[in-house]
Amino acid sequence: MSLSQTLWQANQDLAAASLNHPFVQGIGDGSLPKEKFAYYVGQDAFFLEAFARAYSIAAAKAPDWKSFQTFHSLADGVLQELNLHQSYAQSWNVDIKSVEPGSTTRQYTDFLLSTAWAQSIGITAVAMSPCMRLYAHIGQQLADQQIAKSGDPTHDYQDWITTYSSDDFEPLAKQLESLVDQYSPDSSLTRSTYRYAMVCERDFFQAAWQQ
């Protein structure tokens, strides 16, 4: 089993906590109150900007052209996500440019950016990988739940599920995991960094749910 797979398997408790969180399940069945999703959209847009910057920092530190290109390709994927959030923002009357990050959002983005600046590209990839793998997992699981329950495929959050369950998103998660496998050692720092990012993901959903 690869390092990225080992890390993911070691944190299934947090993956399950995120998938089963009422915020995420509310997206799945369309019952999530719109004001909670609107808050999430603004916070996630702020987060994604930091995520893209972390990719760019890692690209600048890449030791070879292939990894440089991979990091920039992943950054392009984040820009596509931001375009989706722009569409959401218009629908929910959220001014993304004026969003003030909540404490949970800031905690996560500060962690990512400080890791990108201070650590190797392997550890940076480790810090970023949980977001990509978790969203691919959640998107696929929610899509499967809809099929199993014959749920309404046209509710307000269907585009979100479609994006993260799509055949376009999974390869991005795998690209980042390939960087983890290539550049990160299996160390206590690697394992603690990955788990902390998973905690941040769970807490991000909780912060949106509390609004």
Protein backbone atom coordinates (compact mmCIF):
# COMPACT_ATOMS: atom_id res chain seq x y z
CA MET A 1 0.00 0.00 0.00
CA SER A 2 1.37 3.43 -0.92
CA LEU A 3 2.01 6.15 1.65
CA SER A 4 -0.97 8.20 0.49
CA GLN A 5 -3.23 5.16 0.84
CA THR A 6 -1.79 4.39 4.27
CA LEU A 7 -2.47 7.94 5.46
CA TRP A 8 -6.02 7.88 4.13
CA GLN A 9 -6.78 4.54 5.75
CA ALA A 10 -5.30 5.68 9.07
CA ASN A 11 -7.78 8.57 9.17
CA GLN A 12 -11.03 6.84 8.28
CA ASP A 13 -12.55 7.98 11.57
CA LEU A 14 -12.25 11.60 10.48
CA ALA A 15 -13.37 10.80 6.92
CA ALA A 16 -16.51 9.19 8.34
CA ALA A 17 -17.08 12.12 10.70
CA SER A 18 -17.03 14.52 7.75
CA LEU A 19 -19.20 12.37 5.48
CA ASN A 20 -21.79 11.81 8.21
CA HIS A 21 -21.80 15.41 9.40
CA PRO A 22 -25.27 16.97 9.14
CA PHE A 23 -23.88 19.75 6.93
CA VAL A 24 -22.59 17.25 4.37
CA GLN A 25 -25.66 15.02 4.58
CA GLY A 26 -27.79 18.13 4.13
CA ILE A 27 -25.98 18.80 0.86
CA GLY A 28 -26.58 15.19 -0.10
CA ASP A 29 -30.35 15.25 0.27
CA GLY A 30 -30.87 18.95 -0.44
CA SER A 31 -32.17 19.76 3.04
CA LEU A 32 -29.28 22.01 4.11
CA PRO A 33 -30.54 25.52 4.99
CA LYS A 34 -29.46 27.93 2.30
CA GLU A 35 -27.94 30.43 4.72
CA LYS A 36 -25.52 27.76 5.96
CA PHE A 37 -24.47 26.91 2.43
CA ALA A 38 -24.10 30.60 1.59
CA TYR A 39 -21.71 31.03 4.51
CA TYR A 40 -19.78 27.95 3.41
CA VAL A 41 -19.46 29.27 -0.16
CA GLY A 42 -17.83 32.47 1.03
CA GLN A 43 -15.50 30.72 3.45
CA ASP A 44 -14.55 28.06 0.92
CA ALA A 45 -13.75 30.69 -1.70
CA PHE A 46 -11.34 32.31 0.76
CA PHE A 47 -9.87 28.90 1.54
CA LEU A 48 -9.43 27.98 -2.13
CA GLU A 49 -7.47 31.15 -2.82
CA ALA A 50 -5.02 30.13 -0.09
CA PHE A 51 -5.01 26.58 -1.47
CA ALA A 52 -4.03 27.87 -4.90
CA ARG A 53 -1.27 29.98 -3.37
CA ALA A 54 0.09 26.95 -1.51
CA TYR A 55 0.24 25.06 -4.81
CA SER A 56 2.14 27.94 -6.37
CA ILE A 57 4.64 28.09 -3.49
CA ALA A 58 5.24 24.36 -3.79
CA ALA A 59 5.68 24.69 -7.56
CA ALA A 60 8.36 27.32 -7.06
CA LYS A 61 10.22 24.91 -4.77
CA ALA A 62 9.80 21.88 -7.05
CA PRO A 63 13.12 20.14 -7.80
CA ASP A 64 12.17 19.08 -11.34
CA TRP A 65 10.06 20.24 -14.25
CA LYS A 66 7.53 17.40 -13.99
CA SER A 67 6.54 18.18 -10.40
CA PHE A 68 6.53 21.91 -11.25
CA GLN A 69 4.00 21.22 -14.00
CA THR A 70 1.92 18.97 -11.74
CA PHE A 71 1.59 21.60 -9.04
CA HIS A 72 0.57 24.21 -11.61
CA SER A 73 -1.94 21.81 -13.14
CA LEU A 74 -3.46 21.29 -9.71
CA ALA A 75 -3.61 25.05 -9.18
CA ASP A 76 -5.60 25.32 -12.42
CA GLY A 77 -8.06 22.82 -10.96
CA VAL A 78 -8.55 25.10 -7.96
CA LEU A 79 -9.30 28.01 -10.30
CA GLN A 80 -12.05 25.92 -11.86
CA GLU A 81 -13.49 25.30 -8.41
CA LEU A 82 -13.44 29.04 -7.76
CA ASN A 83 -15.44 29.58 -10.95
CA LEU A 84 -18.06 27.21 -9.55
CA HIS A 85 -18.11 29.23 -6.33
CA GLN A 86 -18.61 32.43 -8.33
CA SER A 87 -21.73 30.84 -9.79
CA TYR A 88 -22.93 29.84 -6.31
CA ALA A 89 -22.17 33.32 -5.00
CA GLN A 90 -24.43 34.91 -7.59
CA SER A 91 -27.23 32.47 -6.77
CA TRP A 92 -26.96 33.02 -3.01
CA ASN A 93 -26.09 36.72 -3.12
CA VAL A 94 -22.66 36.22 -1.55
CA ASP A 95 -20.01 38.84 -2.23
CA ILE A 96 -16.92 36.66 -2.31
CA LYS A 97 -14.56 39.64 -2.49
CA SER A 98 -15.79 41.00 0.84
CA VAL A 99 -15.77 37.72 2.79
CA GLU A 100 -14.21 37.88 6.22
CA PRO A 101 -12.68 34.53 7.10
CA GLY A 102 -13.95 32.86 10.25
CA SER A 103 -11.51 31.63 12.87
CA THR A 104 -11.76 28.03 11.63
CA THR A 105 -11.11 29.09 8.05
CA ARG A 106 -8.15 31.22 9.06
CA GLN A 107 -6.71 28.41 11.17
CA TYR A 108 -6.79 26.09 8.17
CA THR A 109 -5.38 28.57 5.64
CA ASP A 110 -2.63 29.72 8.00
CA PHE A 111 -1.64 26.09 8.49
CA LEU A 112 -1.49 25.44 4.75
CA LEU A 113 0.49 28.54 3.87
CA SER A 114 2.94 28.23 6.74
CA THR A 115 3.53 24.61 5.74
CA ALA A 116 4.07 25.58 2.11
CA TRP A 117 6.63 28.25 3.05
CA ALA A 118 8.49 26.34 5.76
CA GLN A 119 8.36 22.68 4.75
CA SER A 120 9.44 20.55 1.82
CA ILE A 121 7.10 20.04 -1.13
CA GLY A 122 6.44 16.52 0.15
CA ILE A 123 5.03 17.76 3.45
CA THR A 124 3.11 20.49 1.63
CA ALA A 125 1.50 17.84 -0.57
CA VAL A 126 0.66 15.88 2.59
CA ALA A 127 -1.04 18.95 4.10
CA MET A 128 -3.11 19.52 0.96
CA SER A 129 -3.97 15.94 0.06
CA PRO A 130 -6.74 15.40 2.66
CA CYS A 131 -8.85 18.16 1.12
CA MET A 132 -8.68 16.64 -2.36
CA ARG A 133 -9.14 13.02 -1.31
CA LEU A 134 -11.91 13.81 1.17
CA TYR A 135 -13.94 15.85 -1.32
CA ALA A 136 -13.60 13.14 -3.96
CA HIS A 137 -14.72 10.60 -1.36
CA ILE A 138 -17.65 12.69 -0.17
CA GLY A 139 -18.78 13.52 -3.70
CA GLN A 140 -18.72 9.87 -4.74
CA GLN A 141 -20.46 8.70 -1.57
CA LEU A 142 -23.25 11.29 -1.84
CA ALA A 143 -23.77 10.42 -5.50
CA ASP A 144 -24.00 6.73 -4.57
CA GLN A 145 -26.46 7.53 -1.78
CA GLN A 146 -28.69 9.35 -4.25
CA ILE A 147 -28.71 6.35 -6.57
CA ALA A 148 -29.43 3.94 -3.71
CA LYS A 149 -32.28 6.07 -2.34
CA SER A 150 -33.56 7.22 -5.74
CA GLY A 151 -33.10 10.74 -4.43
CA ASP A 152 -34.01 13.96 -6.19
CA PRO A 153 -31.16 14.68 -8.64
CA THR A 154 -32.22 18.28 -9.19
CA HIS A 155 -32.00 19.90 -5.74
CA ASP A 156 -30.07 23.09 -5.06
CA TYR A 157 -26.78 21.38 -4.25
CA GLN A 158 -26.66 18.94 -7.14
CA ASP A 159 -23.90 20.85 -8.95
CA TRP A 160 -21.70 20.52 -5.85
CA ILE A 161 -22.19 16.74 -5.76
CA THR A 162 -21.66 16.45 -9.51
CA THR A 163 -18.40 18.43 -9.35
CA TYR A 164 -16.76 16.38 -6.64
CA SER A 165 -18.05 13.00 -7.82
CA SER A 166 -17.02 13.61 -11.41
CA ASP A 167 -14.40 11.77 -13.41
CA ASP A 168 -12.56 15.10 -13.69
CA PHE A 169 -11.99 15.57 -9.95
CA GLU A 170 -10.71 12.13 -9.00
CA PRO A 171 -7.58 12.42 -11.20
CA LEU A 172 -6.67 15.67 -9.44
CA ALA A 173 -6.76 13.92 -6.07
CA LYS A 174 -4.59 11.13 -7.47
CA GLN A 175 -2.13 13.63 -8.95
CA LEU A 176 -1.59 15.20 -5.56
CA GLU A 177 -1.28 11.80 -3.91
CA SER A 178 1.40 10.86 -6.42
CA LEU A 179 3.41 13.83 -5.15
CA VAL A 180 2.92 12.63 -1.58
CA ASP A 181 4.19 9.20 -2.55
CA GLN A 182 7.16 10.56 -4.47
CA TYR A 183 8.40 13.33 -2.18
CA SER A 184 7.20 12.69 1.37
CA PRO A 185 8.89 10.40 3.91
CA ASP A 186 6.79 8.17 6.14
CA SER A 187 7.53 10.09 9.32
CA SER A 188 5.75 11.31 12.43
CA LEU A 189 5.60 14.79 10.88
CA THR A 190 3.96 13.37 7.77
CA ARG A 191 1.34 11.50 9.77
CA SER A 192 0.58 14.38 12.15
CA THR A 193 0.37 16.87 9.27
CA TYR A 194 -2.10 14.70 7.37
CA ARG A 195 -4.27 14.14 10.44
CA TYR A 196 -4.30 17.81 11.37
CA ALA A 197 -5.53 18.67 7.88
CA MET A 198 -8.29 16.07 8.23
CA VAL A 199 -9.32 17.66 11.54
CA CYS A 200 -9.41 21.06 9.82
CA GLU A 201 -11.71 19.62 7.15
CA ARG A 202 -14.13 18.25 9.72
CA ASP A 203 -14.08 21.51 11.66
CA PHE A 204 -14.69 23.51 8.47
CA PHE A 205 -18.01 21.72 7.96
CA GLN A 206 -18.88 22.18 11.63
CA ALA A 207 -18.19 25.92 11.48
CA ALA A 208 -20.51 26.27 8.48
CA TRP A 209 -23.19 24.19 10.22
CA GLN A 210 -23.11 26.42 13.28
CA GLN A 211 -23.86 29.55 11.25
